[in-house]
Amino acid sequence: MRRPFLTRLLYAALGMLLLCLIAIVGVGWAVREPMEWFAQLLGVEHTERLRSVYLRALGSLRPLDSDHDGIPDSVEWYLHTDPRNPKSHPPLTLLERAEGGFSSSMSHHDCDFVVEPGERRRLHAKLGIDGSTAVFAPGASVVVAAVGPVAWGSFARRFGGSMIPPAPDGILLCLPNGVPKLGPLNVPLQADGSMEWEMVVPATLQVVDPDGQRMVITHPLSTEPAGTLAFSVARRQPPIACTVEEIGAAYNAARRNPYRTIEVRLDWTPTNSLGMQLIEATRDEHEPAEWFPVGACSHREHSAEIVSKLDDSQPRYRGAMRFRVVPTKRVGE
């Protein structure tokens, strides 16, 4: 009597395992191209998180990259692209990156950051695959280039940037602690899509349109764009105070938002400066606080709405959100 019982128990365990595998495959199929009813059932945010989980799991379990385009074959198969063709791959996308205990998006967003003449700035970004966080294959990289009035050669013409001839005082790029050079830069990607590089703006830079600068990120083989960072070359002025009104608390409480999202409206008195207005935020519990750029707007704006996702996993950056507005002065103004 003992053997039949053990046999039935084994069959039951195998049956449960098979059901779990079917459920995992079924949910993975459902979130690959989420149907409207499925997104309504789970919610858009939970559906996106599930999709990211599947992409990361596939990239971690099978990281083989046959065509060396930086995207694992398993992810390409899942998203219906050719894993043997380096010019056929899912789109790369620029994701929000949490720094200082939060990530933010801003209405009327004209600019991602402001850089001063003579400044050397380290930049950080994070890429995803088809709009979701994912795991990239070993050796993945992208090409970064500054385009616009002070940009580099044919790359700027290709992206429609207004051109002046390349000059020794153009915007320079390099890897962290590297030697700055003119022209596009190949930047390696970490497995989670994180990347960092440095830009140098010479003190003698002649700027035609200080607010028309772009940092374009493209795939190195297909040259398809992954994202753009807009920046302005200007001189920072003393910060000015702004009023902060929380406008999303009731909405988030009703949804029981697991991401602790807050939405605020900022208002301030505009200055006489004609440069961009940089908006910064901090959750730093220490003084002097470290401030992080949220975005920027034109000198004509005097209000903005900002949505922030809070992240309490970083020690020191767990305080209440604070905001400030930093006017800038155009070069030569």
C-alpha atoms as a PDB file:
ATOM      1  CA  MET A   1       0.000   0.000   0.000  1.00  0.00           C
ATOM      2  CA  ARG A   2       2.917   2.281   0.553  1.00  0.00           C
ATOM      3  CA  ARG A   3       4.170   2.358  -3.039  1.00  0.00           C
ATOM      4  CA  PRO A   4       0.845   3.381  -4.659  1.00  0.00           C
ATOM      5  CA  PHE A   5       0.538   6.221  -2.131  1.00  0.00           C
ATOM      6  CA  LEU A   6       4.034   7.469  -2.937  1.00  0.00           C
ATOM      7  CA  THR A   7       3.325   7.131  -6.649  1.00  0.00           C
ATOM      8  CA  ARG A   8       0.116   9.156  -6.353  1.00  0.00           C
ATOM      9  CA  LEU A   9       1.955  11.774  -4.311  1.00  0.00           C
ATOM     10  CA  LEU A  10       4.667  12.021  -6.959  1.00  0.00           C
ATOM     11  CA  TYR A  11       2.083  12.340  -9.731  1.00  0.00           C
ATOM     12  CA  ALA A  12       0.309  15.057  -7.753  1.00  0.00           C
ATOM     13  CA  ALA A  13       3.564  16.964  -7.279  1.00  0.00           C
ATOM     14  CA  LEU A  14       4.397  16.670 -10.983  1.00  0.00           C
ATOM     15  CA  GLY A  15       0.890  17.812 -11.866  1.00  0.00           C
ATOM     16  CA  MET A  16       1.203  20.873  -9.654  1.00  0.00           C
ATOM     17  CA  LEU A  17       4.601  21.647 -11.197  1.00  0.00           C
ATOM     18  CA  LEU A  18       3.121  21.336 -14.682  1.00  0.00           C
ATOM     19  CA  LEU A  19       0.238  23.642 -13.764  1.00  0.00           C
ATOM     20  CA  CYS A  20       2.689  26.208 -12.376  1.00  0.00           C
ATOM     21  CA  LEU A  21       4.751  26.082 -15.576  1.00  0.00           C
ATOM     22  CA  ILE A  22       1.621  26.507 -17.686  1.00  0.00           C
ATOM     23  CA  ALA A  23       0.568  29.483 -15.542  1.00  0.00           C
ATOM     24  CA  ILE A  24       4.021  31.080 -15.820  1.00  0.00           C
ATOM     25  CA  VAL A  25       4.087  30.657 -19.602  1.00  0.00           C
ATOM     26  CA  GLY A  26       0.487  31.871 -19.896  1.00  0.00           C
ATOM     27  CA  VAL A  27       1.080  35.033 -17.888  1.00  0.00           C
ATOM     28  CA  GLY A  28       4.302  35.680 -19.812  1.00  0.00           C
ATOM     29  CA  TRP A  29       2.386  35.422 -23.079  1.00  0.00           C
ATOM     30  CA  ALA A  30      -0.342  37.720 -21.739  1.00  0.00           C
ATOM     31  CA  VAL A  31       2.054  40.502 -20.672  1.00  0.00           C
ATOM     32  CA  ARG A  32       4.258  40.309 -23.789  1.00  0.00           C
ATOM     33  CA  GLU A  33       1.711  42.382 -25.679  1.00  0.00           C
ATOM     34  CA  PRO A  34      -0.790  43.205 -22.927  1.00  0.00           C
ATOM     35  CA  MET A  35      -4.425  42.979 -23.976  1.00  0.00           C
ATOM     36  CA  GLU A  36      -6.792  45.650 -22.723  1.00  0.00           C
ATOM     37  CA  TRP A  37      -8.801  43.308 -20.500  1.00  0.00           C
ATOM     38  CA  PHE A  38      -5.652  41.922 -18.888  1.00  0.00           C
ATOM     39  CA  ALA A  39      -4.279  45.406 -18.161  1.00  0.00           C
ATOM     40  CA  GLN A  40      -7.630  46.398 -16.668  1.00  0.00           C
ATOM     41  CA  LEU A  41      -7.687  43.253 -14.533  1.00  0.00           C
ATOM     42  CA  LEU A  42      -4.223  43.698 -13.014  1.00  0.00           C
ATOM     43  CA  GLY A  43      -3.752  47.432 -13.524  1.00  0.00           C
ATOM     44  CA  VAL A  44      -1.310  49.045 -15.942  1.00  0.00           C
ATOM     45  CA  GLU A  45       1.494  49.444 -13.398  1.00  0.00           C
ATOM     46  CA  HIS A  46       1.323  45.815 -12.225  1.00  0.00           C
ATOM     47  CA  THR A  47       1.206  44.606 -15.825  1.00  0.00           C
ATOM     48  CA  GLU A  48       4.315  46.641 -16.684  1.00  0.00           C
ATOM     49  CA  ARG A  49       6.100  45.283 -13.625  1.00  0.00           C
ATOM     50  CA  LEU A  50       5.246  41.701 -14.589  1.00  0.00           C
ATOM     51  CA  ARG A  51       6.529  42.307 -18.109  1.00  0.00           C
ATOM     52  CA  SER A  52       9.782  43.670 -16.711  1.00  0.00           C
ATOM     53  CA  VAL A  53      10.121  40.609 -14.467  1.00  0.00           C
ATOM     54  CA  TYR A  54       9.827  38.295 -17.480  1.00  0.00           C
ATOM     55  CA  LEU A  55      12.330  40.293 -19.524  1.00  0.00           C
ATOM     56  CA  ARG A  56      14.851  40.307 -16.668  1.00  0.00           C
ATOM     57  CA  ALA A  57      14.350  36.582 -16.029  1.00  0.00           C
ATOM     58  CA  LEU A  58      14.872  35.697 -19.689  1.00  0.00           C
ATOM     59  CA  GLY A  59      17.983  37.872 -19.939  1.00  0.00           C
ATOM     60  CA  SER A  60      19.449  36.409 -16.736  1.00  0.00           C
ATOM     61  CA  LEU A  61      18.710  32.748 -17.473  1.00  0.00           C
ATOM     62  CA  ARG A  62      19.777  32.860 -21.133  1.00  0.00           C
ATOM     63  CA  PRO A  63      22.179  35.783 -21.700  1.00  0.00           C
ATOM     64  CA  LEU A  64      23.562  34.409 -24.998  1.00  0.00           C
ATOM     65  CA  ASP A  65      23.733  37.153 -27.646  1.00  0.00           C
ATOM     66  CA  SER A  66      24.371  35.572 -31.060  1.00  0.00           C
ATOM     67  CA  ASP A  67      24.367  38.786 -33.131  1.00  0.00           C
ATOM     68  CA  HIS A  68      26.246  40.914 -30.549  1.00  0.00           C
ATOM     69  CA  ASP A  69      23.628  43.665 -30.522  1.00  0.00           C
ATOM     70  CA  GLY A  70      23.580  43.763 -26.704  1.00  0.00           C
ATOM     71  CA  ILE A  71      20.179  42.110 -26.324  1.00  0.00           C
ATOM     72  CA  PRO A  72      19.963  38.436 -25.278  1.00  0.00           C
ATOM     73  CA  ASP A  73      18.568  36.006 -27.846  1.00  0.00           C
ATOM     74  CA  SER A  74      15.870  34.924 -25.395  1.00  0.00           C
ATOM     75  CA  VAL A  75      14.560  38.487 -25.101  1.00  0.00           C
ATOM     76  CA  GLU A  76      14.623  38.967 -28.873  1.00  0.00           C
ATOM     77  CA  TRP A  77      12.677  35.750 -29.382  1.00  0.00           C
ATOM     78  CA  TYR A  78      10.142  36.822 -26.750  1.00  0.00           C
ATOM     79  CA  LEU A  79       9.647  40.221 -28.407  1.00  0.00           C
ATOM     80  CA  HIS A  80       9.544  38.882 -32.002  1.00  0.00           C
ATOM     81  CA  THR A  81      12.843  40.192 -33.402  1.00  0.00           C
ATOM     82  CA  ASP A  82      15.600  38.278 -35.179  1.00  0.00           C
ATOM     83  CA  PRO A  83      18.341  37.184 -32.730  1.00  0.00           C
ATOM     84  CA  ARG A  84      20.709  36.566 -35.671  1.00  0.00           C
ATOM     85  CA  ASN A  85      20.388  40.016 -37.224  1.00  0.00           C
ATOM     86  CA  PRO A  86      22.128  42.847 -35.297  1.00  0.00           C
ATOM     87  CA  LYS A  87      19.933  45.439 -37.017  1.00  0.00           C
ATOM     88  CA  SER A  88      16.756  43.680 -35.889  1.00  0.00           C
ATOM     89  CA  HIS A  89      16.209  44.195 -32.198  1.00  0.00           C
ATOM     90  CA  PRO A  90      13.557  45.506 -29.794  1.00  0.00           C
ATOM     91  CA  PRO A  91      13.637  49.290 -29.353  1.00  0.00           C
ATOM     92  CA  LEU A  92      15.872  50.655 -26.628  1.00  0.00           C
ATOM     93  CA  THR A  93      14.215  53.275 -24.435  1.00  0.00           C
ATOM     94  CA  LEU A  94      15.481  55.839 -21.963  1.00  0.00           C
ATOM     95  CA  LEU A  95      13.992  55.143 -18.526  1.00  0.00           C
ATOM     96  CA  GLU A  96      13.483  57.310 -15.480  1.00  0.00           C
ATOM     97  CA  ARG A  97      16.469  56.896 -13.194  1.00  0.00           C
ATOM     98  CA  ALA A  98      16.077  57.158  -9.424  1.00  0.00           C
ATOM     99  CA  GLU A  99      18.698  59.385  -7.810  1.00  0.00           C
ATOM    100  CA  GLY A 100      18.646  60.753  -4.304  1.00  0.00           C
ATOM    101  CA  GLY A 101      15.670  58.615  -3.302  1.00  0.00           C
ATOM    102  CA  PHE A 102      13.271  59.580  -6.094  1.00  0.00           C
ATOM    103  CA  SER A 103      12.656  59.763  -9.818  1.00  0.00           C
ATOM    104  CA  SER A 104      10.564  62.548 -11.297  1.00  0.00           C
ATOM    105  CA  SER A 105       8.809  63.662 -14.449  1.00  0.00           C
ATOM    106  CA  MET A 106       7.736  67.226 -15.099  1.00  0.00           C
ATOM    107  CA  SER A 107       5.078  68.982 -17.135  1.00  0.00           C
ATOM    108  CA  HIS A 108       6.252  71.584 -19.699  1.00  0.00           C
ATOM    109  CA  HIS A 109       9.615  69.831 -19.735  1.00  0.00           C
ATOM    110  CA  ASP A 110      11.956  71.820 -22.017  1.00  0.00           C
ATOM    111  CA  CYS A 111      15.326  70.684 -20.693  1.00  0.00           C
ATOM    112  CA  ASP A 112      16.876  67.859 -18.650  1.00  0.00           C
ATOM    113  CA  PHE A 113      19.830  69.742 -17.174  1.00  0.00           C
ATOM    114  CA  VAL A 114      21.851  72.948 -17.363  1.00  0.00           C
ATOM    115  CA  VAL A 115      25.628  72.996 -17.743  1.00  0.00           C
ATOM    116  CA  GLU A 116      27.942  75.981 -17.321  1.00  0.00           C
ATOM    117  CA  PRO A 117      30.891  76.966 -19.541  1.00  0.00           C
ATOM    118  CA  GLY A 118      34.051  75.451 -18.098  1.00  0.00           C
ATOM    119  CA  GLU A 119      32.148  72.673 -16.319  1.00  0.00           C
ATOM    120  CA  ARG A 120      32.934  68.964 -16.416  1.00  0.00           C
ATOM    121  CA  ARG A 121      29.741  67.035 -15.706  1.00  0.00           C
ATOM    122  CA  ARG A 122      29.244  63.314 -15.096  1.00  0.00           C
ATOM    123  CA  LEU A 123      25.976  62.122 -16.591  1.00  0.00           C
ATOM    124  CA  HIS A 124      23.946  59.052 -15.693  1.00  0.00           C
ATOM    125  CA  ALA A 125      21.169  57.333 -17.612  1.00  0.00           C
ATOM    126  CA  LYS A 126      19.367  54.025 -17.645  1.00  0.00           C
ATOM    127  CA  LEU A 127      18.076  52.210 -20.707  1.00  0.00           C
ATOM    128  CA  GLY A 128      15.341  49.639 -20.966  1.00  0.00           C
ATOM    129  CA  ILE A 129      14.097  47.336 -23.700  1.00  0.00           C
ATOM    130  CA  ASP A 130      10.782  48.184 -25.324  1.00  0.00           C
ATOM    131  CA  GLY A 131       9.880  50.496 -22.439  1.00  0.00           C
ATOM    132  CA  SER A 132      10.596  47.986 -19.649  1.00  0.00           C
ATOM    133  CA  THR A 133      13.541  47.356 -17.363  1.00  0.00           C
ATOM    134  CA  ALA A 134      15.550  44.386 -18.616  1.00  0.00           C
ATOM    135  CA  VAL A 135      18.901  42.604 -18.479  1.00  0.00           C
ATOM    136  CA  PHE A 136      21.378  43.400 -21.247  1.00  0.00           C
ATOM    137  CA  ALA A 137      23.929  40.945 -22.621  1.00  0.00           C
ATOM    138  CA  PRO A 138      27.607  41.206 -21.624  1.00  0.00           C
ATOM    139  CA  GLY A 139      29.446  43.720 -23.815  1.00  0.00           C
ATOM    140  CA  ALA A 140      26.351  45.806 -24.617  1.00  0.00           C
ATOM    141  CA  SER A 141      26.994  49.445 -25.457  1.00  0.00           C
ATOM    142  CA  VAL A 142      25.421  52.503 -27.066  1.00  0.00           C
ATOM    143  CA  VAL A 143      26.694  55.570 -28.904  1.00  0.00           C
ATOM    144  CA  VAL A 144      26.293  58.995 -27.292  1.00  0.00           C
ATOM    145  CA  ALA A 145      26.759  62.235 -29.219  1.00  0.00           C
ATOM    146  CA  ALA A 146      26.121  65.925 -28.593  1.00  0.00           C
ATOM    147  CA  VAL A 147      24.106  67.486 -31.412  1.00  0.00           C
ATOM    148  CA  GLY A 148      22.957  71.008 -32.079  1.00  0.00           C
ATOM    149  CA  PRO A 149      24.616  74.331 -32.888  1.00  0.00           C
ATOM    150  CA  VAL A 150      27.934  73.281 -31.334  1.00  0.00           C
ATOM    151  CA  ALA A 151      27.706  69.626 -32.266  1.00  0.00           C
ATOM    152  CA  TRP A 152      29.980  67.335 -34.171  1.00  0.00           C
ATOM    153  CA  GLY A 153      30.026  67.053 -37.972  1.00  0.00           C
ATOM    154  CA  SER A 154      27.830  64.665 -39.929  1.00  0.00           C
ATOM    155  CA  PHE A 155      26.158  63.258 -36.817  1.00  0.00           C
ATOM    156  CA  ALA A 156      24.468  66.602 -36.182  1.00  0.00           C
ATOM    157  CA  ARG A 157      23.404  66.985 -39.805  1.00  0.00           C
ATOM    158  CA  ARG A 158      21.871  63.542 -39.685  1.00  0.00           C
ATOM    159  CA  PHE A 159      19.683  64.486 -36.711  1.00  0.00           C
ATOM    160  CA  GLY A 160      18.773  67.892 -38.109  1.00  0.00           C
ATOM    161  CA  GLY A 161      20.962  69.974 -35.811  1.00  0.00           C
ATOM    162  CA  SER A 162      21.883  73.473 -36.986  1.00  0.00           C
ATOM    163  CA  MET A 163      25.617  73.399 -37.611  1.00  0.00           C
ATOM    164  CA  ILE A 164      28.737  75.445 -37.201  1.00  0.00           C
ATOM    165  CA  PRO A 165      32.053  73.837 -38.233  1.00  0.00           C
ATOM    166  CA  PRO A 166      33.645  71.626 -35.566  1.00  0.00           C
ATOM    167  CA  ALA A 167      36.010  73.674 -33.431  1.00  0.00           C
ATOM    168  CA  PRO A 168      38.539  72.988 -30.645  1.00  0.00           C
ATOM    169  CA  ASP A 169      36.132  74.553 -28.143  1.00  0.00           C
ATOM    170  CA  GLY A 170      33.197  72.246 -28.975  1.00  0.00           C
ATOM    171  CA  ILE A 171      31.469  70.017 -26.419  1.00  0.00           C
ATOM    172  CA  LEU A 172      33.731  67.107 -25.479  1.00  0.00           C
ATOM    173  CA  LEU A 173      32.753  63.624 -24.306  1.00  0.00           C
ATOM    174  CA  CYS A 174      34.582  60.816 -22.526  1.00  0.00           C
ATOM    175  CA  LEU A 175      34.084  57.866 -20.208  1.00  0.00           C
ATOM    176  CA  PRO A 176      34.397  58.606 -16.464  1.00  0.00           C
ATOM    177  CA  ASN A 177      37.872  59.984 -15.664  1.00  0.00           C
ATOM    178  CA  GLY A 178      38.836  59.643 -19.329  1.00  0.00           C
ATOM    179  CA  VAL A 179      40.350  62.072 -21.816  1.00  0.00           C
ATOM    180  CA  PRO A 180      37.635  64.297 -23.371  1.00  0.00           C
ATOM    181  CA  LYS A 181      37.414  64.295 -27.163  1.00  0.00           C
ATOM    182  CA  LEU A 182      35.190  65.680 -29.885  1.00  0.00           C
ATOM    183  CA  GLY A 183      32.763  63.349 -31.598  1.00  0.00           C
ATOM    184  CA  PRO A 184      30.483  60.439 -30.687  1.00  0.00           C
ATOM    185  CA  LEU A 185      31.385  58.237 -27.745  1.00  0.00           C
ATOM    186  CA  ASN A 186      30.820  54.494 -27.288  1.00  0.00           C
ATOM    187  CA  VAL A 187      29.451  53.996 -23.758  1.00  0.00           C
ATOM    188  CA  PRO A 188      29.226  50.502 -22.198  1.00  0.00           C
ATOM    189  CA  LEU A 189      25.983  49.385 -20.545  1.00  0.00           C
ATOM    190  CA  GLN A 190      25.769  47.601 -17.228  1.00  0.00           C
ATOM    191  CA  ALA A 191      23.599  44.492 -17.101  1.00  0.00           C
ATOM    192  CA  ASP A 192      20.662  46.540 -15.745  1.00  0.00           C
ATOM    193  CA  GLY A 193      20.992  49.172 -18.494  1.00  0.00           C
ATOM    194  CA  SER A 194      22.790  51.767 -16.360  1.00  0.00           C
ATOM    195  CA  MET A 195      25.397  53.913 -18.085  1.00  0.00           C
ATOM    196  CA  GLU A 196      27.565  56.891 -17.239  1.00  0.00           C
ATOM    197  CA  TRP A 197      29.847  59.230 -19.124  1.00  0.00           C
ATOM    198  CA  GLU A 198      31.260  62.729 -18.830  1.00  0.00           C
ATOM    199  CA  MET A 199      30.860  65.878 -20.865  1.00  0.00           C
ATOM    200  CA  VAL A 200      33.158  68.895 -20.824  1.00  0.00           C
ATOM    201  CA  VAL A 201      32.037  72.362 -21.872  1.00  0.00           C
ATOM    202  CA  PRO A 202      35.075  74.594 -22.571  1.00  0.00           C
ATOM    203  CA  ALA A 203      35.053  77.990 -20.892  1.00  0.00           C
ATOM    204  CA  THR A 204      35.534  79.652 -24.307  1.00  0.00           C
ATOM    205  CA  LEU A 205      32.542  77.920 -25.889  1.00  0.00           C
ATOM    206  CA  GLN A 206      30.728  80.048 -28.449  1.00  0.00           C
ATOM    207  CA  VAL A 207      27.038  79.154 -28.277  1.00  0.00           C
ATOM    208  CA  VAL A 208      24.661  80.001 -31.135  1.00  0.00           C
ATOM    209  CA  ASP A 209      21.530  78.628 -29.443  1.00  0.00           C
ATOM    210  CA  PRO A 210      22.186  77.815 -25.766  1.00  0.00           C
ATOM    211  CA  ASP A 211      18.810  76.094 -25.353  1.00  0.00           C
ATOM    212  CA  GLY A 212      19.016  73.962 -28.504  1.00  0.00           C
ATOM    213  CA  GLN A 213      21.492  71.330 -27.346  1.00  0.00           C
ATOM    214  CA  ARG A 214      20.794  67.583 -27.347  1.00  0.00           C
ATOM    215  CA  MET A 215      22.600  64.480 -26.151  1.00  0.00           C
ATOM    216  CA  VAL A 216      21.425  61.692 -28.468  1.00  0.00           C
ATOM    217  CA  ILE A 217      21.770  58.000 -27.536  1.00  0.00           C
ATOM    218  CA  THR A 218      21.682  55.458 -30.391  1.00  0.00           C
ATOM    219  CA  HIS A 219      22.246  51.752 -30.933  1.00  0.00           C
ATOM    220  CA  PRO A 220      25.793  51.198 -32.293  1.00  0.00           C
ATOM    221  CA  LEU A 221      24.799  48.722 -35.051  1.00  0.00           C
ATOM    222  CA  SER A 222      21.305  49.678 -36.183  1.00  0.00           C
ATOM    223  CA  THR A 223      21.799  53.416 -35.330  1.00  0.00           C
ATOM    224  CA  GLU A 224      18.206  53.531 -34.097  1.00  0.00           C
ATOM    225  CA  PRO A 225      17.710  56.239 -31.437  1.00  0.00           C
ATOM    226  CA  ALA A 226      17.241  55.108 -27.842  1.00  0.00           C
ATOM    227  CA  GLY A 227      16.583  58.492 -26.273  1.00  0.00           C
ATOM    228  CA  THR A 228      17.548  62.143 -26.058  1.00  0.00           C
ATOM    229  CA  LEU A 229      18.666  64.365 -23.202  1.00  0.00           C
ATOM    230  CA  ALA A 230      18.061  68.069 -23.761  1.00  0.00           C
ATOM    231  CA  PHE A 231      20.431  70.514 -22.092  1.00  0.00           C
ATOM    232  CA  SER A 232      21.158  74.217 -21.986  1.00  0.00           C
ATOM    233  CA  VAL A 233      24.516  75.983 -21.719  1.00  0.00           C
ATOM    234  CA  ALA A 234      24.054  78.790 -19.186  1.00  0.00           C
ATOM    235  CA  ARG A 235      25.313  80.232 -15.893  1.00  0.00           C
ATOM    236  CA  ARG A 236      23.455  79.366 -12.699  1.00  0.00           C
ATOM    237  CA  GLN A 237      22.042  82.178 -10.558  1.00  0.00           C
ATOM    238  CA  PRO A 238      21.071  82.099  -6.852  1.00  0.00           C
ATOM    239  CA  PRO A 239      18.026  79.836  -6.275  1.00  0.00           C
ATOM    240  CA  ILE A 240      14.618  81.377  -5.600  1.00  0.00           C
ATOM    241  CA  ALA A 241      11.861  80.101  -3.332  1.00  0.00           C
ATOM    242  CA  CYS A 242       8.738  78.411  -4.633  1.00  0.00           C
ATOM    243  CA  THR A 243       5.443  77.338  -3.106  1.00  0.00           C
ATOM    244  CA  VAL A 244       4.635  73.630  -3.143  1.00  0.00           C
ATOM    245  CA  GLU A 245       1.063  72.320  -3.308  1.00  0.00           C
ATOM    246  CA  GLU A 246       0.446  68.571  -3.214  1.00  0.00           C
ATOM    247  CA  ILE A 247      -2.308  67.780  -5.699  1.00  0.00           C
ATOM    248  CA  GLY A 248      -2.171  63.990  -6.004  1.00  0.00           C
ATOM    249  CA  ALA A 249      -2.494  62.746  -2.408  1.00  0.00           C
ATOM    250  CA  ALA A 250      -6.189  61.806  -2.513  1.00  0.00           C
ATOM    251  CA  TYR A 251      -5.823  60.160  -5.919  1.00  0.00           C
ATOM    252  CA  ASN A 252      -2.881  58.024  -4.804  1.00  0.00           C
ATOM    253  CA  ALA A 253      -4.541  57.087  -1.514  1.00  0.00           C
ATOM    254  CA  ALA A 254      -7.640  55.893  -3.357  1.00  0.00           C
ATOM    255  CA  ARG A 255      -5.517  53.687  -5.626  1.00  0.00           C
ATOM    256  CA  ARG A 256      -3.313  52.443  -2.764  1.00  0.00           C
ATOM    257  CA  ASN A 257      -0.346  53.220  -4.972  1.00  0.00           C
ATOM    258  CA  PRO A 258       2.508  50.827  -4.094  1.00  0.00           C
ATOM    259  CA  TYR A 259       5.129  53.149  -5.564  1.00  0.00           C
ATOM    260  CA  ARG A 260       4.470  56.029  -3.144  1.00  0.00           C
ATOM    261  CA  THR A 261       3.929  58.494  -5.929  1.00  0.00           C
ATOM    262  CA  ILE A 262       3.378  62.154  -5.103  1.00  0.00           C
ATOM    263  CA  GLU A 263       2.253  64.889  -7.451  1.00  0.00           C
ATOM    264  CA  VAL A 264       2.905  68.544  -6.662  1.00  0.00           C
ATOM    265  CA  ARG A 265       2.403  71.932  -8.246  1.00  0.00           C
ATOM    266  CA  LEU A 266       5.175  74.525  -7.916  1.00  0.00           C
ATOM    267  CA  ASP A 267       4.638  78.263  -8.234  1.00  0.00           C
ATOM    268  CA  TRP A 268       7.264  81.004  -8.148  1.00  0.00           C
ATOM    269  CA  THR A 269       7.872  84.607  -9.130  1.00  0.00           C
ATOM    270  CA  PRO A 270       9.708  84.789 -12.486  1.00  0.00           C
ATOM    271  CA  THR A 271      12.974  86.711 -12.717  1.00  0.00           C
ATOM    272  CA  ASN A 272      14.281  89.043 -15.402  1.00  0.00           C
ATOM    273  CA  SER A 273      16.786  86.472 -16.646  1.00  0.00           C
ATOM    274  CA  LEU A 274      16.273  85.187 -20.204  1.00  0.00           C
ATOM    275  CA  GLY A 275      17.880  81.803 -19.535  1.00  0.00           C
ATOM    276  CA  MET A 276      16.242  78.487 -18.674  1.00  0.00           C
ATOM    277  CA  GLN A 277      14.871  77.949 -15.171  1.00  0.00           C
ATOM    278  CA  LEU A 278      16.252  74.793 -13.591  1.00  0.00           C
ATOM    279  CA  ILE A 279      14.045  72.923 -11.108  1.00  0.00           C
ATOM    280  CA  GLU A 280      15.826  70.828  -8.495  1.00  0.00           C
ATOM    281  CA  ALA A 281      14.630  68.539  -5.697  1.00  0.00           C
ATOM    282  CA  THR A 282      16.131  66.757  -2.736  1.00  0.00           C
ATOM    283  CA  ARG A 283      15.306  64.200  -0.042  1.00  0.00           C
ATOM    284  CA  ASP A 284      18.732  64.549   1.560  1.00  0.00           C
ATOM    285  CA  GLU A 285      18.545  64.392   5.354  1.00  0.00           C
ATOM    286  CA  HIS A 286      21.981  66.017   5.749  1.00  0.00           C
ATOM    287  CA  GLU A 287      23.067  69.619   5.354  1.00  0.00           C
ATOM    288  CA  PRO A 288      24.243  70.982   3.021  1.00  0.00           C
ATOM    289  CA  ALA A 289      21.783  68.931   1.010  1.00  0.00           C
ATOM    290  CA  GLU A 290      22.601  67.378  -2.339  1.00  0.00           C
ATOM    291  CA  TRP A 291      20.150  68.614  -4.964  1.00  0.00           C
ATOM    292  CA  PHE A 292      19.208  66.730  -8.126  1.00  0.00           C
ATOM    293  CA  PRO A 293      17.769  68.169 -11.360  1.00  0.00           C
ATOM    294  CA  VAL A 294      14.121  67.385 -12.053  1.00  0.00           C
ATOM    295  CA  GLY A 295      13.909  69.330 -15.305  1.00  0.00           C
ATOM    296  CA  ALA A 296      13.830  72.859 -16.611  1.00  0.00           C
ATOM    297  CA  CYS A 297      11.477  75.286 -18.301  1.00  0.00           C
ATOM    298  CA  SER A 298      11.717  78.550 -20.202  1.00  0.00           C
ATOM    299  CA  HIS A 299      12.067  81.929 -18.515  1.00  0.00           C
ATOM    300  CA  ARG A 300       8.400  82.648 -19.345  1.00  0.00           C
ATOM    301  CA  GLU A 301       7.088  79.867 -17.076  1.00  0.00           C
ATOM    302  CA  HIS A 302       6.249  80.491 -13.417  1.00  0.00           C
ATOM    303  CA  SER A 303       4.634  77.152 -12.481  1.00  0.00           C
ATOM    304  CA  ALA A 304       5.120  73.435 -13.070  1.00  0.00           C
ATOM    305  CA  GLU A 305       3.544  70.117 -12.099  1.00  0.00           C
ATOM    306  CA  ILE A 306       5.918  67.352 -11.030  1.00  0.00           C
ATOM    307  CA  VAL A 307       5.223  63.660 -10.418  1.00  0.00           C
ATOM    308  CA  SER A 308       7.781  61.865  -8.229  1.00  0.00           C
ATOM    309  CA  LYS A 309       8.157  58.170  -7.374  1.00  0.00           C
ATOM    310  CA  LEU A 310       9.799  57.808  -3.977  1.00  0.00           C
ATOM    311  CA  ASP A 311      12.393  55.151  -3.183  1.00  0.00           C
ATOM    312  CA  ASP A 312      13.330  54.609   0.463  1.00  0.00           C
ATOM    313  CA  SER A 313      16.026  52.022  -0.249  1.00  0.00           C
ATOM    314  CA  GLN A 314      18.849  54.580  -0.235  1.00  0.00           C
ATOM    315  CA  PRO A 315      20.179  55.569   3.203  1.00  0.00           C
ATOM    316  CA  ARG A 316      20.404  59.331   3.769  1.00  0.00           C
ATOM    317  CA  TYR A 317      17.824  60.073   1.043  1.00  0.00           C
ATOM    318  CA  ARG A 318      14.595  59.346   2.926  1.00  0.00           C
ATOM    319  CA  GLY A 319      13.496  62.826   3.952  1.00  0.00           C
ATOM    320  CA  ALA A 320      10.541  64.860   2.755  1.00  0.00           C
ATOM    321  CA  MET A 321      10.681  66.154  -0.813  1.00  0.00           C
ATOM    322  CA  ARG A 322      11.912  69.734  -1.144  1.00  0.00           C
ATOM    323  CA  PHE A 323      12.043  71.802  -4.308  1.00  0.00           C
ATOM    324  CA  ARG A 324      13.747  74.952  -5.527  1.00  0.00           C
ATOM    325  CA  VAL A 325      14.004  76.940  -8.742  1.00  0.00           C
ATOM    326  CA  VAL A 326      17.403  78.020 -10.069  1.00  0.00           C
ATOM    327  CA  PRO A 327      17.335  80.805 -12.689  1.00  0.00           C
ATOM    328  CA  THR A 328      20.098  80.766 -15.256  1.00  0.00           C
ATOM    329  CA  LYS A 329      21.789  83.468 -17.269  1.00  0.00           C
ATOM    330  CA  ARG A 330      22.547  82.950 -20.929  1.00  0.00           C
ATOM    331  CA  VAL A 331      26.176  82.928 -21.954  1.00  0.00           C
ATOM    332  CA  GLY A 332      27.066  86.442 -23.086  1.00  0.00           C
ATOM    333  CA  GLU A 333      23.952  87.967 -21.476  1.00  0.00           C
END
